């Protein structure tokens, strides 16, 4: 008799556990954040970027054509940036790159921004050194790289030469390294020279 009661009790507990699991699957947790419709429209403006990415905002052949749609974008980006693209991430956040025209040096400055799935901004940083400028005896190439693991390498590669001399040019690289973390934080080192 005791065994029968014990078996019925265990059976009852098992049924109750299954019932609770079914209720949980019918009512999804409110912890799961869904993309809202306006944020989805904002994100849909960006084409998908395939990694690894190598970009030069000062390349004279590089000309983005489309600006952000102001009506859709205003809750997320206030300035009239140019669209570059979105980067595929681990799925817990969304990452975009917009371009700001720096008229002083005639270059586009990439700005990397990460958002939670509900549109809340996590982080935003310029991913350029911003010290490339032209001159008769100076050449500079900017370089922005993002690899498959979301590691960042940002550099301005300078070549200086005394115009009146035929000496070898002086080369200098100013750079930063960093990464986009699994939580969407953009980590960058301070400027370094080599």
Protein backbone atom coordinates (compact mmCIF):
# COMPACT_ATOMS: atom_id res chain seq x y z
CA UNK A 1 0.00 0.00 0.00
CA UNK A 2 2.78 2.38 0.88
CA UNK A 3 4.49 1.64 -2.40
CA UNK A 4 1.28 2.40 -4.30
CA UNK A 5 0.87 5.73 -2.53
CA UNK A 6 4.52 6.58 -3.15
CA UNK A 7 4.21 5.71 -6.85
CA UNK A 8 1.03 7.82 -7.18
CA UNK A 9 2.73 10.72 -5.40
CA UNK A 10 5.79 10.59 -7.71
CA UNK A 11 3.48 10.29 -10.75
CA UNK A 12 1.48 13.31 -9.57
CA UNK A 13 4.69 15.39 -9.12
CA UNK A 14 5.88 14.40 -12.60
CA UNK A 15 2.57 15.46 -14.17
CA UNK A 16 2.68 18.77 -12.30
CA UNK A 17 6.23 19.46 -13.56
CA UNK A 18 5.18 18.75 -17.17
CA UNK A 19 2.15 21.03 -16.75
CA UNK A 20 4.38 23.86 -15.45
CA UNK A 21 6.80 23.43 -18.37
CA UNK A 22 3.90 23.64 -20.86
CA UNK A 23 2.65 26.84 -19.23
CA UNK A 24 6.14 28.38 -19.48
CA UNK A 25 6.40 27.59 -23.19
CA UNK A 26 2.95 29.11 -23.84
CA UNK A 27 3.85 32.36 -22.05
CA UNK A 28 7.29 33.50 -23.24
CA UNK A 29 9.39 35.26 -20.65
CA UNK A 30 9.29 39.04 -20.57
CA UNK A 31 13.09 38.92 -20.28
CA UNK A 32 13.30 38.32 -24.03
CA UNK A 33 13.60 41.71 -25.71
CA UNK A 34 11.96 42.03 -29.10
CA UNK A 35 12.96 44.47 -31.85
CA UNK A 36 10.28 47.16 -32.11
CA UNK A 37 8.86 48.09 -35.52
CA UNK A 38 10.45 51.56 -35.78
CA UNK A 39 13.87 50.27 -34.78
CA UNK A 40 13.52 47.45 -37.32
CA UNK A 41 12.81 50.06 -40.04
CA UNK A 42 15.91 51.98 -38.94
CA UNK A 43 18.08 48.84 -39.07
CA UNK A 44 16.62 47.79 -42.45
CA UNK A 45 18.26 50.89 -44.01
CA UNK A 46 21.67 49.26 -43.54
CA UNK A 47 23.01 46.59 -45.91
CA UNK A 48 24.74 43.60 -44.31
CA UNK A 49 28.55 43.91 -44.18
CA UNK A 50 30.56 40.75 -44.77
CA UNK A 51 33.56 40.32 -42.50
CA UNK A 52 36.49 40.69 -42.56
CA UNK A 53 36.07 44.37 -43.44
CA UNK A 54 38.77 46.72 -44.68
CA UNK A 55 37.72 50.35 -45.16
CA UNK A 56 39.42 53.61 -46.03
CA UNK A 57 37.27 56.69 -45.47
CA UNK A 58 39.85 58.93 -47.14
CA UNK A 59 40.02 56.92 -50.37
CA UNK A 60 38.99 59.36 -53.11
CA UNK A 61 37.09 56.61 -54.94
CA UNK A 62 35.01 55.91 -51.83
CA UNK A 63 31.70 57.76 -52.00
CA UNK A 64 28.66 56.60 -50.04
CA UNK A 65 25.45 57.57 -51.74
CA UNK A 66 22.63 57.33 -49.24
CA UNK A 67 21.94 59.28 -46.04
CA UNK A 68 19.85 58.00 -43.15
CA UNK A 69 16.12 58.61 -43.50
CA UNK A 70 15.50 61.37 -40.95
CA UNK A 71 11.93 60.34 -40.06
CA UNK A 72 12.89 56.75 -39.29
CA UNK A 73 16.32 57.44 -37.81
CA UNK A 74 15.75 60.38 -35.46
CA UNK A 75 15.18 58.34 -32.28
CA UNK A 76 18.46 56.47 -32.89
CA UNK A 77 20.75 58.87 -34.78
CA UNK A 78 20.31 62.64 -34.66
CA UNK A 79 22.83 63.66 -37.34
CA UNK A 80 22.34 63.16 -41.10
CA UNK A 81 25.01 60.47 -41.41
CA UNK A 82 25.67 58.44 -44.52
CA UNK A 83 24.77 54.75 -44.39
CA UNK A 84 27.56 52.19 -44.58
CA UNK A 85 26.19 48.92 -43.17
CA UNK A 86 25.37 46.58 -40.31
CA UNK A 87 27.62 43.88 -38.92
CA UNK A 88 26.33 40.44 -38.01
CA UNK A 89 26.88 39.83 -34.29
CA UNK A 90 26.11 37.10 -31.75
CA UNK A 91 22.40 37.99 -31.83
CA UNK A 92 22.19 39.74 -28.45
CA UNK A 93 22.84 43.18 -29.99
CA UNK A 94 22.95 44.94 -33.37
CA UNK A 95 25.97 46.82 -34.73
CA UNK A 96 25.94 49.53 -37.43
CA UNK A 97 28.48 51.76 -39.16
CA UNK A 98 27.55 55.24 -40.35
CA UNK A 99 29.84 57.77 -42.01
CA UNK A 100 30.31 61.42 -41.13
CA UNK A 101 31.90 63.68 -43.72
CA UNK A 102 34.88 65.60 -42.34
CA UNK A 103 35.10 68.52 -44.76
CA UNK A 104 38.41 69.75 -43.30
CA UNK A 105 40.28 66.74 -44.67
CA UNK A 106 37.69 65.56 -47.22
CA UNK A 107 37.36 62.14 -45.58
CA UNK A 108 34.52 60.06 -44.20
CA UNK A 109 34.84 59.21 -40.52
CA UNK A 110 33.23 55.83 -39.68
CA UNK A 111 31.18 55.68 -36.49
CA UNK A 112 30.49 52.25 -35.02
CA UNK A 113 27.36 51.97 -32.86
CA UNK A 114 25.86 49.03 -31.01
CA UNK A 115 22.22 48.74 -29.95
CA UNK A 116 20.19 46.39 -27.79
CA UNK A 117 17.49 44.55 -29.74
CA UNK A 118 14.88 47.04 -28.48
CA UNK A 119 16.80 49.99 -30.00
CA UNK A 120 18.50 51.23 -26.84
CA UNK A 121 22.04 52.39 -27.60
CA UNK A 122 24.81 50.39 -25.92
CA UNK A 123 27.91 52.17 -27.24
CA UNK A 124 29.10 54.41 -30.07
CA UNK A 125 32.64 55.36 -31.10
CA UNK A 126 34.46 56.88 -34.04
CA UNK A 127 36.64 54.17 -35.55
CA UNK A 128 39.17 56.43 -37.21
CA UNK A 129 42.35 58.14 -36.09
CA UNK A 130 41.38 61.26 -38.03
CA UNK A 131 44.87 62.65 -38.59
CA UNK A 132 45.19 62.00 -42.33
CA UNK A 133 45.71 65.16 -44.30
CA UNK A 134 47.33 65.79 -47.65
CA UNK A 135 50.24 67.89 -48.72
CA UNK A 136 52.92 68.13 -51.34
CA UNK A 137 55.47 66.24 -49.27
CA UNK A 138 53.12 64.15 -47.15
CA UNK A 139 51.06 61.08 -47.94
CA UNK A 140 48.61 59.43 -45.56
CA UNK A 141 46.45 56.34 -45.84
CA UNK A 142 43.76 55.59 -43.28
CA UNK A 143 42.98 51.97 -42.55
CA UNK A 144 40.06 50.45 -40.67
CA UNK A 145 39.79 46.69 -40.24
CA UNK A 146 37.24 44.50 -38.46
CA UNK A 147 37.90 40.76 -38.46
CA UNK A 148 35.54 37.80 -38.08
CA UNK A 149 35.96 37.85 -34.28
CA UNK A 150 35.01 41.57 -34.19
CA UNK A 151 38.56 42.70 -33.38
CA UNK A 152 39.38 46.24 -34.55
CA UNK A 153 42.53 47.73 -36.06
CA UNK A 154 42.44 51.45 -36.88
CA UNK A 155 45.46 53.28 -38.31
CA UNK A 156 46.72 56.35 -40.14
CA UNK A 157 49.86 55.44 -42.10
CA UNK A 158 51.97 58.56 -42.79
CA UNK A 159 54.89 59.09 -45.16
CA UNK A 160 56.74 62.39 -44.79
CA UNK A 161 59.50 63.56 -47.08
CA UNK A 162 61.51 66.74 -47.12
CA UNK A 163 60.58 68.13 -50.52
CA UNK A 164 63.99 69.60 -51.31
CA UNK A 165 65.87 66.41 -50.39
CA UNK A 166 65.93 62.99 -51.98
CA UNK A 167 66.21 61.23 -48.62
CA UNK A 168 64.12 58.22 -47.76
CA UNK A 169 60.68 59.26 -46.53
CA UNK A 170 59.95 59.06 -42.83
CA UNK A 171 57.21 56.54 -42.11
CA UNK A 172 54.97 56.66 -39.08
CA UNK A 173 51.83 54.77 -38.14
CA UNK A 174 49.39 56.03 -35.54
CA UNK A 175 46.99 53.27 -34.55
CA UNK A 176 44.45 51.89 -32.09
CA UNK A 177 43.33 48.32 -31.51
CA UNK A 178 40.24 46.99 -29.86
CA UNK A 179 37.18 44.81 -30.13
CA UNK A 180 33.42 44.69 -29.85
CA UNK A 181 32.65 42.61 -26.75
CA UNK A 182 29.95 39.94 -26.52
CA UNK A 183 27.81 42.55 -24.70
CA UNK A 184 28.19 45.15 -27.48
CA UNK A 185 30.73 47.38 -25.69
CA UNK A 186 33.31 48.91 -28.06
CA UNK A 187 36.75 48.73 -26.45
CA UNK A 188 39.58 50.78 -28.01
CA UNK A 189 43.13 51.46 -26.85
CA UNK A 190 44.58 54.97 -26.77
CA UNK A 191 46.51 56.15 -29.84
CA UNK A 192 49.90 54.49 -30.23
CA UNK A 193 52.79 55.14 -32.63
CA UNK A 194 55.10 52.78 -34.43
